Amino acid sequence: MSTATDTAAPLLRVRGLTVGFPTAAGTTDVVKSLDFDLERGGALGIVGESGSGKSMTSLAIMGLLPKGATRSGSIEFDGTELTTLRERAMRAVRGDRIAMIFQDPLSSLNPYYTVGTQIAEAYRSHRKGVTRRQARTVAIEAMERVHIHDAARRVHHYPHQFSGGMRQRVMIAMMLSMEPELIIADEPTTALDVTVQAQILDLLAEIRADTGAGLILITHDLAVVSEVTDHIVVMREGDLVEQGSAERIFTDPQEEYTRMLLDAVPRIDDEIGLLRTTAAPSAEEDR
C-alpha cells in the first residue's frame, strides 16, 4: 500500500553519481558526484556542451555504460536502488519501466526489418504470452499515437522509407508501446530541421500529459528545454554547474557558464536588430 510519504517521494533520485573510465594515468571521471531529483510526472532538462557528461548520465541510469566504465553513487527509481540490481532484474526495468529515445534513429533501427516488426518484437520481449498478431496491433496503435498517418500500411515499411523525423516518431512509438514510467530522450531532435524539432518536442509534451510519465530531456540547446521542461540541470565537464526551476534558470541564472549558454540561444529581437542594421545604410554610405 502506498503511503503519503511514498507519493511525495521523487520518481528518480540521483545522489553522488560518478562515472569514470580507466586511462594510463588512472581513472578519469566524466560525471562527478551528480545530484538531482525528478518528480513524478515532472520534466527535467539536462543541458551542457558536448563532453559535459549528459549522455553518460543517461547511460548510467539505464545501466548501459560502455565496457570498462565504473559507476558509483546512488540511482533510486521509484524506491528501487538501480545500482545494486543484477542484470536480469535491470532488464525488467530497462525498456519496460524506463525507456530511452536515442539521438540517431537510423542507427537504432535495423534496416533489414520493417518498423512494425521491430516495434512488435520489442513489445513481445517485455510481455510474455503475447502473440505476433497482438503485438502487431499494438505496433499500429503506437504508430497512430505518434501521428504516423496510415499506420496500418506503414507498419510494413522499412526504416529507409521514412524521413528522419518519421524515424524518430517510430522510435518514440516503440518506447510508448511499453507504457514506461520514465522516458529519457537523449538529443532527440539532433539533425532534424527546426519545424520537425518543434513537432517532436510537442509530441513528447503530449505524451507526458497523456501518460503522466516523467521525462528527462538531454540536449546542448537551452532553447529546446525551454519548451518542455520544468526543471533544469546544467553540466560542464562532468560537474553540476547549477540547477533550478526552468523559470529561474532563464530569468536569473546564477553562474557565468549558464549565462553563456543562454547568450548562445538565438533571439528574435536580436535577429530583427541585425536585419535593421544590415538593411539600413549609414549616413556615410548615403553620401
C-alpha atoms as a PDB file:
ATOM      1  CA  MET A   1       0.000   0.000   0.000  1.00  0.00           C
ATOM      2  CA  SER A   2       1.360   3.453  -0.917  1.00  0.00           C
ATOM      3  CA  THR A   3       1.739   5.962   1.863  1.00  0.00           C
ATOM      4  CA  ALA A   4       1.698   9.742   1.694  1.00  0.00           C
ATOM      5  CA  THR A   5       5.471   9.649   2.028  1.00  0.00           C
ATOM      6  CA  ASP A   6       5.769   7.247  -0.925  1.00  0.00           C
ATOM      7  CA  THR A   7       3.579   9.502  -3.054  1.00  0.00           C
ATOM      8  CA  ALA A   8       5.665  12.552  -2.181  1.00  0.00           C
ATOM      9  CA  ALA A   9       8.961  10.804  -2.953  1.00  0.00           C
ATOM     10  CA  PRO A  10      10.511  11.658  -6.329  1.00  0.00           C
ATOM     11  CA  LEU A  11      10.257   9.173  -9.157  1.00  0.00           C
ATOM     12  CA  LEU A  12      14.033   9.306  -9.637  1.00  0.00           C
ATOM     13  CA  ARG A  13      16.598  10.317  -7.023  1.00  0.00           C
ATOM     14  CA  VAL A  14      20.272  10.559  -8.055  1.00  0.00           C
ATOM     15  CA  ARG A  15      22.913  11.138  -5.397  1.00  0.00           C
ATOM     16  CA  GLY A  16      26.668  11.325  -5.810  1.00  0.00           C
ATOM     17  CA  LEU A  17      26.599   9.742  -9.278  1.00  0.00           C
ATOM     18  CA  THR A  18      30.130   9.371 -10.582  1.00  0.00           C
ATOM     19  CA  VAL A  19      31.120   7.726 -13.868  1.00  0.00           C
ATOM     20  CA  GLY A  20      34.750   7.036 -14.661  1.00  0.00           C
ATOM     21  CA  PHE A  21      36.881   5.485 -17.396  1.00  0.00           C
ATOM     22  CA  PRO A  22      40.284   3.846 -16.964  1.00  0.00           C
ATOM     23  CA  THR A  23      43.214   5.655 -18.568  1.00  0.00           C
ATOM     24  CA  ALA A  24      47.006   5.263 -18.493  1.00  0.00           C
ATOM     25  CA  ALA A  25      47.092   7.913 -15.771  1.00  0.00           C
ATOM     26  CA  GLY A  26      44.330   6.281 -13.722  1.00  0.00           C
ATOM     27  CA  THR A  27      40.554   6.670 -13.661  1.00  0.00           C
ATOM     28  CA  THR A  28      39.170   9.791 -15.312  1.00  0.00           C
ATOM     29  CA  ASP A  29      35.720  10.853 -14.107  1.00  0.00           C
ATOM     30  CA  VAL A  30      33.368  12.113 -16.797  1.00  0.00           C
ATOM     31  CA  VAL A  31      30.459  12.569 -14.360  1.00  0.00           C
ATOM     32  CA  LYS A  32      31.387  13.861 -10.898  1.00  0.00           C
ATOM     33  CA  SER A  33      29.181  13.486  -7.811  1.00  0.00           C
ATOM     34  CA  LEU A  34      25.968  14.477  -9.584  1.00  0.00           C
ATOM     35  CA  ASP A  35      22.792  15.055  -7.538  1.00  0.00           C
ATOM     36  CA  PHE A  36      19.281  15.680  -8.847  1.00  0.00           C
ATOM     37  CA  ASP A  37      15.649  14.584  -8.420  1.00  0.00           C
ATOM     38  CA  LEU A  38      12.874  14.040 -10.935  1.00  0.00           C
ATOM     39  CA  GLU A  39       9.400  14.423  -9.527  1.00  0.00           C
ATOM     40  CA  ARG A  40       6.598  12.101 -10.577  1.00  0.00           C
ATOM     41  CA  GLY A  41       5.159  13.398 -13.825  1.00  0.00           C
ATOM     42  CA  GLY A  42       7.871  16.056 -13.981  1.00  0.00           C
ATOM     43  CA  ALA A  43      10.150  17.027 -16.854  1.00  0.00           C
ATOM     44  CA  LEU A  44      13.865  17.582 -16.268  1.00  0.00           C
ATOM     45  CA  GLY A  45      16.286  19.067 -18.790  1.00  0.00           C
ATOM     46  CA  ILE A  46      19.986  18.145 -18.580  1.00  0.00           C
ATOM     47  CA  VAL A  47      21.924  20.756 -20.539  1.00  0.00           C
ATOM     48  CA  GLY A  48      25.557  21.291 -21.459  1.00  0.00           C
ATOM     49  CA  GLU A  49      28.007  21.347 -24.325  1.00  0.00           C
ATOM     50  CA  SER A  50      29.473  18.201 -25.908  1.00  0.00           C
ATOM     51  CA  GLY A  51      31.586  16.280 -23.414  1.00  0.00           C
ATOM     52  CA  SER A  52      29.779  17.642 -20.369  1.00  0.00           C
ATOM     53  CA  GLY A  53      28.633  14.184 -19.219  1.00  0.00           C
ATOM     54  CA  LYS A  54      24.962  14.431 -20.198  1.00  0.00           C
ATOM     55  CA  SER A  55      24.721  11.220 -22.203  1.00  0.00           C
ATOM     56  CA  MET A  56      26.909   9.290 -19.758  1.00  0.00           C
ATOM     57  CA  THR A  57      24.448  10.275 -17.036  1.00  0.00           C
ATOM     58  CA  SER A  58      21.564   8.802 -19.022  1.00  0.00           C
ATOM     59  CA  LEU A  59      23.515   5.612 -19.820  1.00  0.00           C
ATOM     60  CA  ALA A  60      24.385   5.251 -16.137  1.00  0.00           C
ATOM     61  CA  ILE A  61      20.694   5.417 -15.238  1.00  0.00           C
ATOM     62  CA  MET A  62      19.859   2.807 -17.885  1.00  0.00           C
ATOM     63  CA  GLY A  63      22.756   0.541 -16.877  1.00  0.00           C
ATOM     64  CA  LEU A  64      24.178   0.763 -20.395  1.00  0.00           C
ATOM     65  CA  LEU A  65      27.615   2.224 -19.771  1.00  0.00           C
ATOM     66  CA  PRO A  66      30.408   1.077 -22.121  1.00  0.00           C
ATOM     67  CA  LYS A  67      32.596  -1.827 -21.045  1.00  0.00           C
ATOM     68  CA  GLY A  68      35.285  -0.717 -18.607  1.00  0.00           C
ATOM     69  CA  ALA A  69      33.334   2.243 -17.248  1.00  0.00           C
ATOM     70  CA  THR A  70      32.848   2.500 -13.489  1.00  0.00           C
ATOM     71  CA  ARG A  71      29.750   3.800 -11.733  1.00  0.00           C
ATOM     72  CA  SER A  72      29.316   4.825  -8.115  1.00  0.00           C
ATOM     73  CA  GLY A  73      26.734   6.699  -6.109  1.00  0.00           C
ATOM     74  CA  SER A  74      23.009   6.089  -5.841  1.00  0.00           C
ATOM     75  CA  ILE A  75      20.310   5.925  -8.540  1.00  0.00           C
ATOM     76  CA  GLU A  76      16.956   5.273  -6.898  1.00  0.00           C
ATOM     77  CA  PHE A  77      13.973   4.722  -9.192  1.00  0.00           C
ATOM     78  CA  ASP A  78      10.543   4.518  -7.565  1.00  0.00           C
ATOM     79  CA  GLY A  79      12.161   3.347  -4.344  1.00  0.00           C
ATOM     80  CA  THR A  80      14.425   0.736  -6.003  1.00  0.00           C
ATOM     81  CA  GLU A  81      18.195   1.177  -5.989  1.00  0.00           C
ATOM     82  CA  LEU A  82      19.236   0.513  -9.590  1.00  0.00           C
ATOM     83  CA  THR A  83      22.990   0.365  -8.972  1.00  0.00           C
ATOM     84  CA  THR A  84      22.671  -2.866  -6.963  1.00  0.00           C
ATOM     85  CA  LEU A  85      20.323  -4.715  -9.328  1.00  0.00           C
ATOM     86  CA  ARG A  86      21.607  -7.770 -11.150  1.00  0.00           C
ATOM     87  CA  GLU A  87      21.487  -7.535 -14.952  1.00  0.00           C
ATOM     88  CA  ARG A  88      18.436  -9.790 -15.235  1.00  0.00           C
ATOM     89  CA  ALA A  89      16.477  -7.598 -12.816  1.00  0.00           C
ATOM     90  CA  MET A  90      17.724  -4.458 -14.567  1.00  0.00           C
ATOM     91  CA  ARG A  91      16.464  -5.779 -17.909  1.00  0.00           C
ATOM     92  CA  ALA A  92      12.988  -5.977 -16.393  1.00  0.00           C
ATOM     93  CA  VAL A  93      13.202  -2.253 -15.622  1.00  0.00           C
ATOM     94  CA  ARG A  94      15.032  -1.130 -18.769  1.00  0.00           C
ATOM     95  CA  GLY A  95      12.751  -0.687 -21.767  1.00  0.00           C
ATOM     96  CA  ASP A  96       9.661  -1.531 -19.735  1.00  0.00           C
ATOM     97  CA  ARG A  97       9.515   0.955 -16.853  1.00  0.00           C
ATOM     98  CA  ILE A  98      12.354   3.209 -18.068  1.00  0.00           C
ATOM     99  CA  ALA A  99      12.599   3.768 -21.821  1.00  0.00           C
ATOM    100  CA  MET A 100      15.190   5.693 -23.790  1.00  0.00           C
ATOM    101  CA  ILE A 101      14.972   7.551 -27.087  1.00  0.00           C
ATOM    102  CA  PHE A 102      18.381   7.809 -28.739  1.00  0.00           C
ATOM    103  CA  GLN A 103      19.551  10.720 -30.877  1.00  0.00           C
ATOM    104  CA  ASP A 104      20.123   8.760 -34.110  1.00  0.00           C
ATOM    105  CA  PRO A 105      17.029   6.721 -35.010  1.00  0.00           C
ATOM    106  CA  LEU A 106      18.593   5.446 -38.248  1.00  0.00           C
ATOM    107  CA  SER A 107      21.361   3.627 -36.381  1.00  0.00           C
ATOM    108  CA  SER A 108      18.915   2.450 -33.708  1.00  0.00           C
ATOM    109  CA  LEU A 109      16.598   0.769 -36.226  1.00  0.00           C
ATOM    110  CA  ASN A 110      17.571  -2.427 -38.056  1.00  0.00           C
ATOM    111  CA  PRO A 111      17.458  -1.778 -41.823  1.00  0.00           C
ATOM    112  CA  TYR A 112      16.588  -5.427 -42.561  1.00  0.00           C
ATOM    113  CA  TYR A 113      13.264  -5.481 -40.710  1.00  0.00           C
ATOM    114  CA  THR A 114      10.085  -3.465 -41.088  1.00  0.00           C
ATOM    115  CA  VAL A 115       9.386  -0.880 -38.408  1.00  0.00           C
ATOM    116  CA  GLY A 116       6.265  -2.805 -37.400  1.00  0.00           C
ATOM    117  CA  THR A 117       8.272  -5.963 -36.807  1.00  0.00           C
ATOM    118  CA  GLN A 118      10.775  -4.074 -34.670  1.00  0.00           C
ATOM    119  CA  ILE A 119       8.116  -2.391 -32.530  1.00  0.00           C
ATOM    120  CA  ALA A 120       6.215  -5.671 -32.148  1.00  0.00           C
ATOM    121  CA  GLU A 121       9.287  -7.716 -31.198  1.00  0.00           C
ATOM    122  CA  ALA A 122      10.401  -5.119 -28.663  1.00  0.00           C
ATOM    123  CA  TYR A 123       6.921  -5.276 -27.143  1.00  0.00           C
ATOM    124  CA  ARG A 124       6.857  -9.105 -27.074  1.00  0.00           C
ATOM    125  CA  SER A 125      10.249  -9.207 -25.377  1.00  0.00           C
ATOM    126  CA  HIS A 126       8.677  -7.493 -22.360  1.00  0.00           C
ATOM    127  CA  ARG A 127       5.216  -9.071 -22.473  1.00  0.00           C
ATOM    128  CA  LYS A 128       5.131 -12.836 -22.058  1.00  0.00           C
ATOM    129  CA  GLY A 129       2.402 -14.755 -23.884  1.00  0.00           C
ATOM    130  CA  VAL A 130       1.654 -12.013 -26.430  1.00  0.00           C
ATOM    131  CA  THR A 131       1.148 -13.354 -29.972  1.00  0.00           C
ATOM    132  CA  ARG A 132       2.666 -11.808 -33.080  1.00  0.00           C
ATOM    133  CA  ARG A 133      -0.790 -10.706 -34.215  1.00  0.00           C
ATOM    134  CA  GLN A 134      -1.473  -8.977 -30.887  1.00  0.00           C
ATOM    135  CA  ALA A 135       1.946  -7.313 -30.935  1.00  0.00           C
ATOM    136  CA  ARG A 136       1.371  -6.083 -34.497  1.00  0.00           C
ATOM    137  CA  THR A 137      -1.909  -4.474 -33.354  1.00  0.00           C
ATOM    138  CA  VAL A 138      -0.019  -2.759 -30.524  1.00  0.00           C
ATOM    139  CA  ALA A 139       2.589  -1.536 -33.042  1.00  0.00           C
ATOM    140  CA  ILE A 140      -0.092   0.002 -35.261  1.00  0.00           C
ATOM    141  CA  GLU A 141      -1.786   1.668 -32.302  1.00  0.00           C
ATOM    142  CA  ALA A 142       1.553   3.049 -31.069  1.00  0.00           C
ATOM    143  CA  MET A 143       2.338   4.472 -34.521  1.00  0.00           C
ATOM    144  CA  GLU A 144      -1.090   6.103 -34.621  1.00  0.00           C
ATOM    145  CA  ARG A 145      -0.459   7.656 -31.182  1.00  0.00           C
ATOM    146  CA  VAL A 146       2.661   9.397 -32.518  1.00  0.00           C
ATOM    147  CA  HIS A 147       0.663  10.672 -35.518  1.00  0.00           C
ATOM    148  CA  ILE A 148       2.110   8.469 -38.253  1.00  0.00           C
ATOM    149  CA  HIS A 149      -0.658   8.537 -40.837  1.00  0.00           C
ATOM    150  CA  ASP A 150      -1.912   5.328 -42.456  1.00  0.00           C
ATOM    151  CA  ALA A 151      -0.165   3.299 -39.750  1.00  0.00           C
ATOM    152  CA  ALA A 152      -1.788   0.013 -40.819  1.00  0.00           C
ATOM    153  CA  ARG A 153       0.048   0.294 -44.140  1.00  0.00           C
ATOM    154  CA  ARG A 154       3.242   1.970 -42.985  1.00  0.00           C
ATOM    155  CA  VAL A 155       3.814  -0.691 -40.319  1.00  0.00           C
ATOM    156  CA  HIS A 156       5.096  -2.835 -43.216  1.00  0.00           C
ATOM    157  CA  HIS A 157       7.648  -0.231 -44.360  1.00  0.00           C
ATOM    158  CA  TYR A 158      11.395  -0.297 -43.720  1.00  0.00           C
ATOM    159  CA  PRO A 159      13.362   2.451 -41.903  1.00  0.00           C
ATOM    160  CA  HIS A 160      14.802   3.864 -45.151  1.00  0.00           C
ATOM    161  CA  GLN A 161      11.242   4.558 -46.337  1.00  0.00           C
ATOM    162  CA  PHE A 162      10.760   7.112 -43.538  1.00  0.00           C
ATOM    163  CA  SER A 163      12.174  10.625 -43.178  1.00  0.00           C
ATOM    164  CA  GLY A 164      14.416  11.475 -40.217  1.00  0.00           C
ATOM    165  CA  GLY A 165      11.519  12.973 -38.274  1.00  0.00           C
ATOM    166  CA  MET A 166       9.291   9.983 -39.008  1.00  0.00           C
ATOM    167  CA  ARG A 167      12.016   7.545 -37.945  1.00  0.00           C
ATOM    168  CA  GLN A 168      12.216   9.406 -34.643  1.00  0.00           C
ATOM    169  CA  ARG A 169       8.442   9.014 -34.318  1.00  0.00           C
ATOM    170  CA  VAL A 170       8.879   5.268 -34.889  1.00  0.00           C
ATOM    171  CA  MET A 171      11.416   5.146 -32.029  1.00  0.00           C
ATOM    172  CA  ILE A 172       9.004   7.073 -29.810  1.00  0.00           C
ATOM    173  CA  ALA A 173       6.224   4.646 -30.798  1.00  0.00           C
ATOM    174  CA  MET A 174       8.438   1.708 -29.811  1.00  0.00           C
ATOM    175  CA  MET A 175       9.080   3.340 -26.445  1.00  0.00           C
ATOM    176  CA  LEU A 176       5.428   4.286 -25.999  1.00  0.00           C
ATOM    177  CA  SER A 177       4.205   0.726 -26.605  1.00  0.00           C
ATOM    178  CA  MET A 178       5.858  -0.257 -23.295  1.00  0.00           C
ATOM    179  CA  GLU A 179       3.966   2.436 -21.345  1.00  0.00           C
ATOM    180  CA  PRO A 180       7.068   3.432 -19.336  1.00  0.00           C
ATOM    181  CA  GLU A 181       7.001   5.486 -16.159  1.00  0.00           C
ATOM    182  CA  LEU A 182      10.191   7.345 -17.111  1.00  0.00           C
ATOM    183  CA  ILE A 183      11.257   8.497 -20.593  1.00  0.00           C
ATOM    184  CA  ILE A 184      14.864   9.525 -21.253  1.00  0.00           C
ATOM    185  CA  ALA A 185      15.263  11.432 -24.523  1.00  0.00           C
ATOM    186  CA  ASP A 186      18.927  11.860 -25.480  1.00  0.00           C
ATOM    187  CA  GLU A 187      19.222  14.690 -28.029  1.00  0.00           C
ATOM    188  CA  PRO A 188      16.018  13.513 -29.780  1.00  0.00           C
ATOM    189  CA  THR A 189      15.972  16.455 -32.217  1.00  0.00           C
ATOM    190  CA  THR A 190      19.588  16.233 -33.427  1.00  0.00           C
ATOM    191  CA  ALA A 191      19.934  16.591 -37.238  1.00  0.00           C
ATOM    192  CA  LEU A 192      16.245  17.473 -37.637  1.00  0.00           C
ATOM    193  CA  ASP A 193      15.153  20.757 -39.166  1.00  0.00           C
ATOM    194  CA  VAL A 194      13.553  23.366 -36.940  1.00  0.00           C
ATOM    195  CA  THR A 195       9.968  22.575 -37.924  1.00  0.00           C
ATOM    196  CA  VAL A 196      10.384  18.846 -37.274  1.00  0.00           C
ATOM    197  CA  GLN A 197      12.199  19.588 -33.997  1.00  0.00           C
ATOM    198  CA  ALA A 198       9.159  21.515 -32.818  1.00  0.00           C
ATOM    199  CA  GLN A 199       6.865  18.632 -33.801  1.00  0.00           C
ATOM    200  CA  ILE A 200       8.945  16.092 -31.853  1.00  0.00           C
ATOM    201  CA  LEU A 201       9.050  18.337 -28.775  1.00  0.00           C
ATOM    202  CA  ASP A 202       5.284  18.878 -28.979  1.00  0.00           C
ATOM    203  CA  LEU A 203       4.846  15.115 -29.243  1.00  0.00           C
ATOM    204  CA  LEU A 204       6.960  14.487 -26.127  1.00  0.00           C
ATOM    205  CA  ALA A 205       4.963  17.090 -24.200  1.00  0.00           C
ATOM    206  CA  GLU A 206       1.720  15.476 -25.407  1.00  0.00           C
ATOM    207  CA  ILE A 207       2.868  12.003 -24.336  1.00  0.00           C
ATOM    208  CA  ARG A 208       3.904  13.301 -20.933  1.00  0.00           C
ATOM    209  CA  ALA A 209       0.493  14.952 -20.448  1.00  0.00           C
ATOM    210  CA  ASP A 210      -1.415  11.866 -21.634  1.00  0.00           C
ATOM    211  CA  THR A 211       0.534   9.206 -19.719  1.00  0.00           C
ATOM    212  CA  GLY A 212       1.839  11.021 -16.643  1.00  0.00           C
ATOM    213  CA  ALA A 213       5.333   9.654 -17.331  1.00  0.00           C
ATOM    214  CA  GLY A 214       8.382  11.502 -16.087  1.00  0.00           C
ATOM    215  CA  LEU A 215      10.689  12.944 -18.751  1.00  0.00           C
ATOM    216  CA  ILE A 216      14.432  13.594 -18.846  1.00  0.00           C
ATOM    217  CA  LEU A 217      15.421  15.610 -21.901  1.00  0.00           C
ATOM    218  CA  ILE A 218      19.144  15.739 -22.676  1.00  0.00           C
ATOM    219  CA  THR A 219      20.357  18.476 -25.003  1.00  0.00           C
ATOM    220  CA  HIS A 220      23.019  21.114 -25.595  1.00  0.00           C
ATOM    221  CA  ASP A 221      20.329  23.629 -26.574  1.00  0.00           C
ATOM    222  CA  LEU A 222      18.612  25.652 -23.868  1.00  0.00           C
ATOM    223  CA  ALA A 223      16.004  26.744 -26.404  1.00  0.00           C
ATOM    224  CA  VAL A 224      14.887  23.103 -26.632  1.00  0.00           C
ATOM    225  CA  VAL A 225      14.475  22.549 -22.882  1.00  0.00           C
ATOM    226  CA  SER A 226      12.570  25.798 -22.531  1.00  0.00           C
ATOM    227  CA  GLU A 227       9.705  24.228 -24.464  1.00  0.00           C
ATOM    228  CA  VAL A 228       9.005  21.106 -22.427  1.00  0.00           C
ATOM    229  CA  THR A 229      10.826  21.017 -19.061  1.00  0.00           C
ATOM    230  CA  ASP A 230      10.067  22.498 -15.662  1.00  0.00           C
ATOM    231  CA  HIS A 231      13.454  21.884 -14.001  1.00  0.00           C
ATOM    232  CA  ILE A 232      16.948  22.227 -15.481  1.00  0.00           C
ATOM    233  CA  VAL A 233      20.345  20.755 -14.583  1.00  0.00           C
ATOM    234  CA  VAL A 234      23.342  22.484 -16.192  1.00  0.00           C
ATOM    235  CA  MET A 235      26.518  20.413 -16.589  1.00  0.00           C
ATOM    236  CA  ARG A 236      30.067  21.224 -17.683  1.00  0.00           C
ATOM    237  CA  GLU A 237      32.978  18.777 -17.968  1.00  0.00           C
ATOM    238  CA  GLY A 238      31.184  16.295 -15.728  1.00  0.00           C
ATOM    239  CA  ASP A 239      30.374  18.808 -12.991  1.00  0.00           C
ATOM    240  CA  LEU A 240      26.998  20.134 -11.914  1.00  0.00           C
ATOM    241  CA  VAL A 241      27.176  23.891 -12.591  1.00  0.00           C
ATOM    242  CA  GLU A 242      23.725  24.781 -11.303  1.00  0.00           C
ATOM    243  CA  GLN A 243      20.160  23.552 -11.219  1.00  0.00           C
ATOM    244  CA  GLY A 244      16.757  25.028 -10.564  1.00  0.00           C
ATOM    245  CA  SER A 245      13.323  25.643 -11.996  1.00  0.00           C
ATOM    246  CA  ALA A 246      13.253  26.398 -15.701  1.00  0.00           C
ATOM    247  CA  GLU A 247      11.768  29.813 -14.947  1.00  0.00           C
ATOM    248  CA  ARG A 248      14.583  30.679 -12.520  1.00  0.00           C
ATOM    249  CA  ILE A 249      17.350  29.418 -14.811  1.00  0.00           C
ATOM    250  CA  PHE A 250      16.055  31.519 -17.698  1.00  0.00           C
ATOM    251  CA  THR A 251      15.305  34.671 -15.753  1.00  0.00           C
ATOM    252  CA  ASP A 252      18.005  34.638 -13.075  1.00  0.00           C
ATOM    253  CA  PRO A 253      20.957  32.333 -13.900  1.00  0.00           C
ATOM    254  CA  GLN A 254      23.495  32.232 -11.075  1.00  0.00           C
ATOM    255  CA  GLU A 255      26.570  31.000 -12.959  1.00  0.00           C
ATOM    256  CA  GLU A 256      28.549  32.562 -15.792  1.00  0.00           C
ATOM    257  CA  TYR A 257      28.519  29.317 -17.789  1.00  0.00           C
ATOM    258  CA  THR A 258      24.714  29.223 -17.711  1.00  0.00           C
ATOM    259  CA  ARG A 259      24.595  32.840 -18.868  1.00  0.00           C
ATOM    260  CA  MET A 260      26.931  31.926 -21.740  1.00  0.00           C
ATOM    261  CA  LEU A 261      24.599  29.094 -22.791  1.00  0.00           C
ATOM    262  CA  LEU A 262      21.650  31.477 -22.670  1.00  0.00           C
ATOM    263  CA  ASP A 263      23.517  34.061 -24.734  1.00  0.00           C
ATOM    264  CA  ALA A 264      24.087  31.390 -27.377  1.00  0.00           C
ATOM    265  CA  VAL A 265      20.327  30.941 -27.886  1.00  0.00           C
ATOM    266  CA  PRO A 266      19.162  32.925 -30.959  1.00  0.00           C
ATOM    267  CA  ARG A 267      16.656  35.622 -30.052  1.00  0.00           C
ATOM    268  CA  ILE A 268      14.136  37.024 -32.488  1.00  0.00           C
ATOM    269  CA  ASP A 269      14.707  40.605 -31.258  1.00  0.00           C
ATOM    270  CA  ASP A 270      18.461  40.209 -31.887  1.00  0.00           C
ATOM    271  CA  GLU A 271      17.757  38.923 -35.391  1.00  0.00           C
ATOM    272  CA  ILE A 272      15.433  41.848 -36.138  1.00  0.00           C
ATOM    273  CA  GLY A 273      18.064  44.279 -34.887  1.00  0.00           C
ATOM    274  CA  LEU A 274      20.680  42.643 -37.079  1.00  0.00           C
ATOM    275  CA  LEU A 275      18.404  42.841 -40.109  1.00  0.00           C
ATOM    276  CA  ARG A 276      17.760  46.523 -39.484  1.00  0.00           C
ATOM    277  CA  THR A 277      21.468  47.238 -39.103  1.00  0.00           C
ATOM    278  CA  THR A 278      22.254  45.337 -42.295  1.00  0.00           C
ATOM    279  CA  ALA A 279      19.415  46.782 -44.322  1.00  0.00           C
ATOM    280  CA  ALA A 280      19.731  50.458 -43.299  1.00  0.00           C
ATOM    281  CA  PRO A 281      22.777  52.203 -44.869  1.00  0.00           C
ATOM    282  CA  SER A 282      24.762  54.530 -42.655  1.00  0.00           C
ATOM    283  CA  ALA A 283      24.859  58.298 -43.292  1.00  0.00           C
ATOM    284  CA  GLU A 284      28.394  57.870 -44.621  1.00  0.00           C
ATOM    285  CA  GLU A 285      27.187  55.256 -47.139  1.00  0.00           C
ATOM    286  CA  ASP A 286      24.442  57.639 -48.322  1.00  0.00           C
ATOM    287  CA  ARG A 287      26.975  60.219 -49.404  1.00  0.00           C
END
